[in-house]
Amino acid sequence: MSIIFHCEYCGKKVEAKDGSGGKRAQCPACHNKVYVPDLESGEELKLAPIDGEAEEKQKELMIETHYLTQEILLEREVPEGTPGTGRPALEISEKELTKNIILYLRQMANGDLDDATRTVDSIAPHGRQAVKILDKIAVSEMPEPELADLPPQVLSGLIRNLRTRIS
């Protein structure tokens, strides 16, 4: 005589050898490890009916969660202003912002990471304006005098890095 029970994962009917009661085995349908009930010891196999309505509600909630997560991840519009304050950023001239961007690029090239972090914090609230300045620097055939000693590939990489940080 064999032991017949339902897999706790996939619900398929499983048939196990007599001597396998009380042990774990692999479900032939879903390949999950399942407990084979020991019917000789009088152990009762407890099965609960599946609530189809609750399962459907759970599925709908998971789909909605997925769509909301995707919407949040795909949002590209970053509000202007200091992060987390909800206030608009203080106005800054293009010349001052350009000076800060060049300072940041120089600090990164020199390995002054702490100073560069403080500088990028002053640049980030002006993201759109800073990106335009970075684009001008990137396409310029003649780099700013403060950056002239940097190899073009290094400067390009630093510009990409800053652009990513503020976008």
C-alpha atoms as a PDB file:
ATOM      1  CA  MET A   1       0.000   0.000   0.000  1.00  0.00           C
ATOM      2  CA  SER A   2       1.283   3.496  -0.778  1.00  0.00           C
ATOM      3  CA  ILE A   3       0.794   6.877   0.895  1.00  0.00           C
ATOM      4  CA  ILE A   4      -1.283   9.301  -1.145  1.00  0.00           C
ATOM      5  CA  PHE A   5      -1.364  13.012  -0.266  1.00  0.00           C
ATOM      6  CA  HIS A   6      -1.424  16.431  -1.937  1.00  0.00           C
ATOM      7  CA  CYS A   7       1.701  18.543  -2.443  1.00  0.00           C
ATOM      8  CA  GLU A   8       1.602  21.600  -0.178  1.00  0.00           C
ATOM      9  CA  TYR A   9       3.129  23.756  -2.951  1.00  0.00           C
ATOM     10  CA  CYS A  10       1.413  22.801  -6.200  1.00  0.00           C
ATOM     11  CA  GLY A  11      -1.610  20.863  -4.887  1.00  0.00           C
ATOM     12  CA  LYS A  12      -0.987  17.834  -7.135  1.00  0.00           C
ATOM     13  CA  LYS A  13      -1.784  14.369  -5.843  1.00  0.00           C
ATOM     14  CA  VAL A  14       1.438  12.594  -4.851  1.00  0.00           C
ATOM     15  CA  GLU A  15       1.929   8.886  -4.236  1.00  0.00           C
ATOM     16  CA  ALA A  16       4.825   7.794  -2.016  1.00  0.00           C
ATOM     17  CA  LYS A  17       6.126   4.371  -0.987  1.00  0.00           C
ATOM     18  CA  ASP A  18       4.948   2.924   2.312  1.00  0.00           C
ATOM     19  CA  GLY A  19       8.310   3.291   4.056  1.00  0.00           C
ATOM     20  CA  SER A  20       8.696   6.987   3.255  1.00  0.00           C
ATOM     21  CA  GLY A  21       6.142   8.236   5.805  1.00  0.00           C
ATOM     22  CA  GLY A  22       7.534  10.873   8.196  1.00  0.00           C
ATOM     23  CA  LYS A  23      10.315  11.868   5.791  1.00  0.00           C
ATOM     24  CA  ARG A  24      10.846  14.569   3.205  1.00  0.00           C
ATOM     25  CA  ALA A  25      10.707  13.801  -0.501  1.00  0.00           C
ATOM     26  CA  GLN A  26      10.644  15.703  -3.777  1.00  0.00           C
ATOM     27  CA  CYS A  27       7.292  16.392  -5.422  1.00  0.00           C
ATOM     28  CA  PRO A  28       7.380  14.883  -8.928  1.00  0.00           C
ATOM     29  CA  ALA A  29       5.287  17.776 -10.307  1.00  0.00           C
ATOM     30  CA  CYS A  30       6.919  20.929  -8.869  1.00  0.00           C
ATOM     31  CA  HIS A  31      10.174  19.440  -7.501  1.00  0.00           C
ATOM     32  CA  ASN A  32       9.796  21.121  -4.094  1.00  0.00           C
ATOM     33  CA  LYS A  33      10.699  19.236  -0.947  1.00  0.00           C
ATOM     34  CA  VAL A  34       7.506  18.065   0.764  1.00  0.00           C
ATOM     35  CA  TYR A  35       6.784  16.223   3.995  1.00  0.00           C
ATOM     36  CA  VAL A  36       5.337  12.742   3.476  1.00  0.00           C
ATOM     37  CA  PRO A  37       2.816  12.094   6.266  1.00  0.00           C
ATOM     38  CA  ASP A  38       3.310   9.008   8.400  1.00  0.00           C
ATOM     39  CA  LEU A  39      -0.087   7.303   8.253  1.00  0.00           C
ATOM     40  CA  GLU A  40       0.969   4.330  10.413  1.00  0.00           C
ATOM     41  CA  SER A  41       1.506   6.550  13.451  1.00  0.00           C
ATOM     42  CA  GLY A  42      -2.038   7.829  13.125  1.00  0.00           C
ATOM     43  CA  GLU A  43      -0.813  11.226  12.035  1.00  0.00           C
ATOM     44  CA  GLU A  44      -3.617  13.049  10.364  1.00  0.00           C
ATOM     45  CA  LEU A  45      -2.909  14.987   7.210  1.00  0.00           C
ATOM     46  CA  LYS A  46      -4.409  18.429   7.646  1.00  0.00           C
ATOM     47  CA  LEU A  47      -5.487  20.121   4.455  1.00  0.00           C
ATOM     48  CA  ALA A  48      -7.172  23.476   4.238  1.00  0.00           C
ATOM     49  CA  PRO A  49      -9.392  24.463   1.356  1.00  0.00           C
ATOM     50  CA  ILE A  50      -8.019  27.181  -0.877  1.00  0.00           C
ATOM     51  CA  ASP A  51     -10.026  30.378  -0.755  1.00  0.00           C
ATOM     52  CA  GLY A  52     -10.287  31.264  -4.444  1.00  0.00           C
ATOM     53  CA  GLU A  53     -11.561  34.769  -3.733  1.00  0.00           C
ATOM     54  CA  ALA A  54      -8.635  35.568  -1.417  1.00  0.00           C
ATOM     55  CA  GLU A  55      -6.181  34.129  -3.947  1.00  0.00           C
ATOM     56  CA  GLU A  56      -7.632  36.304  -6.725  1.00  0.00           C
ATOM     57  CA  LYS A  57      -7.526  39.416  -4.509  1.00  0.00           C
ATOM     58  CA  GLN A  58      -3.886  38.684  -3.636  1.00  0.00           C
ATOM     59  CA  LYS A  59      -3.039  38.297  -7.323  1.00  0.00           C
ATOM     60  CA  GLU A  60      -4.722  41.624  -8.182  1.00  0.00           C
ATOM     61  CA  LEU A  61      -2.832  43.390  -5.380  1.00  0.00           C
ATOM     62  CA  MET A  62       0.478  41.975  -6.591  1.00  0.00           C
ATOM     63  CA  ILE A  63      -0.216  43.178 -10.143  1.00  0.00           C
ATOM     64  CA  GLU A  64      -1.162  46.640  -8.884  1.00  0.00           C
ATOM     65  CA  THR A  65       1.988  46.764  -6.740  1.00  0.00           C
ATOM     66  CA  HIS A  66       4.076  45.829  -9.764  1.00  0.00           C
ATOM     67  CA  TYR A  67       2.549  48.572 -11.925  1.00  0.00           C
ATOM     68  CA  LEU A  68       2.938  51.219  -9.211  1.00  0.00           C
ATOM     69  CA  THR A  69       6.550  50.223  -8.648  1.00  0.00           C
ATOM     70  CA  GLN A  70       7.249  50.479 -12.375  1.00  0.00           C
ATOM     71  CA  GLU A  71       5.634  53.930 -12.531  1.00  0.00           C
ATOM     72  CA  ILE A  72       7.769  55.151  -9.642  1.00  0.00           C
ATOM     73  CA  LEU A  73      10.949  53.723 -11.140  1.00  0.00           C
ATOM     74  CA  LEU A  74      10.238  55.284 -14.521  1.00  0.00           C
ATOM     75  CA  GLU A  75       9.526  58.780 -13.182  1.00  0.00           C
ATOM     76  CA  ARG A  76      12.049  61.120 -14.682  1.00  0.00           C
ATOM     77  CA  GLU A  77      10.740  64.502 -13.588  1.00  0.00           C
ATOM     78  CA  VAL A  78      12.834  65.633 -10.633  1.00  0.00           C
ATOM     79  CA  PRO A  79      11.417  68.674  -8.893  1.00  0.00           C
ATOM     80  CA  GLU A  80      13.668  71.713  -8.800  1.00  0.00           C
ATOM     81  CA  GLY A  81      14.877  72.771  -5.403  1.00  0.00           C
ATOM     82  CA  THR A  82      16.893  71.492  -2.527  1.00  0.00           C
ATOM     83  CA  PRO A  83      16.240  67.765  -2.077  1.00  0.00           C
ATOM     84  CA  GLY A  84      13.809  66.995   0.711  1.00  0.00           C
ATOM     85  CA  THR A  85      12.885  70.597   1.572  1.00  0.00           C
ATOM     86  CA  GLY A  86      10.126  71.196  -0.945  1.00  0.00           C
ATOM     87  CA  ARG A  87      11.402  74.755  -1.410  1.00  0.00           C
ATOM     88  CA  PRO A  88      12.684  76.143  -4.689  1.00  0.00           C
ATOM     89  CA  ALA A  89      16.434  76.331  -5.087  1.00  0.00           C
ATOM     90  CA  LEU A  90      18.118  79.644  -4.533  1.00  0.00           C
ATOM     91  CA  GLU A  91      18.899  81.428  -7.750  1.00  0.00           C
ATOM     92  CA  ILE A  92      22.470  81.096  -8.932  1.00  0.00           C
ATOM     93  CA  SER A  93      24.149  82.725 -11.886  1.00  0.00           C
ATOM     94  CA  GLU A  94      25.398  80.615 -14.767  1.00  0.00           C
ATOM     95  CA  LYS A  95      28.905  81.890 -14.092  1.00  0.00           C
ATOM     96  CA  GLU A  96      28.789  80.805 -10.429  1.00  0.00           C
ATOM     97  CA  LEU A  97      27.347  77.403 -11.331  1.00  0.00           C
ATOM     98  CA  THR A  98      30.004  76.915 -14.033  1.00  0.00           C
ATOM     99  CA  LYS A  99      32.671  77.764 -11.436  1.00  0.00           C
ATOM    100  CA  ASN A 100      31.222  75.145  -9.053  1.00  0.00           C
ATOM    101  CA  ILE A 101      31.083  72.507 -11.809  1.00  0.00           C
ATOM    102  CA  ILE A 102      34.707  73.139 -12.789  1.00  0.00           C
ATOM    103  CA  LEU A 103      35.689  73.040  -9.100  1.00  0.00           C
ATOM    104  CA  TYR A 104      33.918  69.683  -8.712  1.00  0.00           C
ATOM    105  CA  LEU A 105      35.615  68.203 -11.804  1.00  0.00           C
ATOM    106  CA  ARG A 106      39.019  69.393 -10.554  1.00  0.00           C
ATOM    107  CA  GLN A 107      38.371  67.983  -7.056  1.00  0.00           C
ATOM    108  CA  MET A 108      37.399  64.617  -8.496  1.00  0.00           C
ATOM    109  CA  ALA A 109      40.478  64.577 -10.746  1.00  0.00           C
ATOM    110  CA  ASN A 110      42.682  65.334  -7.718  1.00  0.00           C
ATOM    111  CA  GLY A 111      40.961  62.688  -5.589  1.00  0.00           C
ATOM    112  CA  ASP A 112      39.479  65.192  -3.087  1.00  0.00           C
ATOM    113  CA  LEU A 113      36.297  63.161  -2.664  1.00  0.00           C
ATOM    114  CA  ASP A 114      35.042  64.844   0.526  1.00  0.00           C
ATOM    115  CA  ASP A 115      35.349  68.313  -0.995  1.00  0.00           C
ATOM    116  CA  ALA A 116      33.787  67.060  -4.228  1.00  0.00           C
ATOM    117  CA  THR A 117      30.802  65.689  -2.293  1.00  0.00           C
ATOM    118  CA  ARG A 118      30.218  69.086  -0.678  1.00  0.00           C
ATOM    119  CA  THR A 119      30.555  70.813  -4.046  1.00  0.00           C
ATOM    120  CA  VAL A 120      28.104  68.468  -5.794  1.00  0.00           C
ATOM    121  CA  ASP A 121      25.578  69.241  -3.049  1.00  0.00           C
ATOM    122  CA  SER A 122      25.660  72.887  -4.156  1.00  0.00           C
ATOM    123  CA  ILE A 123      25.284  71.888  -7.821  1.00  0.00           C
ATOM    124  CA  ALA A 124      22.496  69.280  -7.509  1.00  0.00           C
ATOM    125  CA  PRO A 125      19.610  71.696  -6.770  1.00  0.00           C
ATOM    126  CA  HIS A 126      20.258  73.340 -10.141  1.00  0.00           C
ATOM    127  CA  GLY A 127      20.144  70.091 -12.112  1.00  0.00           C
ATOM    128  CA  ARG A 128      18.731  71.252 -15.439  1.00  0.00           C
ATOM    129  CA  GLN A 129      20.910  74.335 -15.596  1.00  0.00           C
ATOM    130  CA  ALA A 130      23.980  72.278 -14.589  1.00  0.00           C
ATOM    131  CA  VAL A 131      23.300  69.658 -17.274  1.00  0.00           C
ATOM    132  CA  LYS A 132      23.243  72.391 -19.941  1.00  0.00           C
ATOM    133  CA  ILE A 133      26.596  73.703 -18.700  1.00  0.00           C
ATOM    134  CA  LEU A 134      28.038  70.178 -18.620  1.00  0.00           C
ATOM    135  CA  ASP A 135      26.910  69.641 -22.209  1.00  0.00           C
ATOM    136  CA  LYS A 136      28.700  72.840 -23.255  1.00  0.00           C
ATOM    137  CA  ILE A 137      31.883  71.718 -21.500  1.00  0.00           C
ATOM    138  CA  ALA A 138      31.632  68.235 -23.041  1.00  0.00           C
ATOM    139  CA  VAL A 139      31.339  69.444 -26.632  1.00  0.00           C
ATOM    140  CA  SER A 140      33.862  72.248 -26.276  1.00  0.00           C
ATOM    141  CA  GLU A 141      37.001  71.618 -28.331  1.00  0.00           C
ATOM    142  CA  MET A 142      39.042  73.678 -25.890  1.00  0.00           C
ATOM    143  CA  PRO A 143      38.473  72.696 -22.233  1.00  0.00           C
ATOM    144  CA  GLU A 144      38.396  75.270 -19.477  1.00  0.00           C
ATOM    145  CA  PRO A 145      41.946  76.310 -18.441  1.00  0.00           C
ATOM    146  CA  GLU A 146      41.509  74.683 -15.010  1.00  0.00           C
ATOM    147  CA  LEU A 147      40.772  71.348 -16.721  1.00  0.00           C
ATOM    148  CA  ALA A 148      43.224  71.566 -19.645  1.00  0.00           C
ATOM    149  CA  ASP A 149      45.729  69.153 -18.073  1.00  0.00           C
ATOM    150  CA  LEU A 150      43.161  66.310 -17.839  1.00  0.00           C
ATOM    151  CA  PRO A 151      43.146  63.685 -20.592  1.00  0.00           C
ATOM    152  CA  PRO A 152      39.945  63.984 -22.683  1.00  0.00           C
ATOM    153  CA  GLN A 153      38.764  60.494 -21.689  1.00  0.00           C
ATOM    154  CA  VAL A 154      39.145  61.290 -17.966  1.00  0.00           C
ATOM    155  CA  LEU A 155      37.330  64.610 -18.334  1.00  0.00           C
ATOM    156  CA  SER A 156      34.562  62.917 -20.307  1.00  0.00           C
ATOM    157  CA  GLY A 157      34.183  60.263 -17.598  1.00  0.00           C
ATOM    158  CA  LEU A 158      34.037  62.886 -14.840  1.00  0.00           C
ATOM    159  CA  ILE A 159      31.392  64.828 -16.771  1.00  0.00           C
ATOM    160  CA  ARG A 160      29.292  61.660 -17.240  1.00  0.00           C
ATOM    161  CA  ASN A 161      29.652  60.881 -13.535  1.00  0.00           C
ATOM    162  CA  LEU A 162      28.479  64.336 -12.474  1.00  0.00           C
ATOM    163  CA  ARG A 163      25.645  64.287 -14.978  1.00  0.00           C
ATOM    164  CA  THR A 164      24.454  60.963 -13.551  1.00  0.00           C
ATOM    165  CA  ARG A 165      24.652  62.265  -9.983  1.00  0.00           C
ATOM    166  CA  ILE A 166      22.530  65.342 -10.668  1.00  0.00           C
ATOM    167  CA  SER A 167      19.996  63.794 -13.078  1.00  0.00           C
END
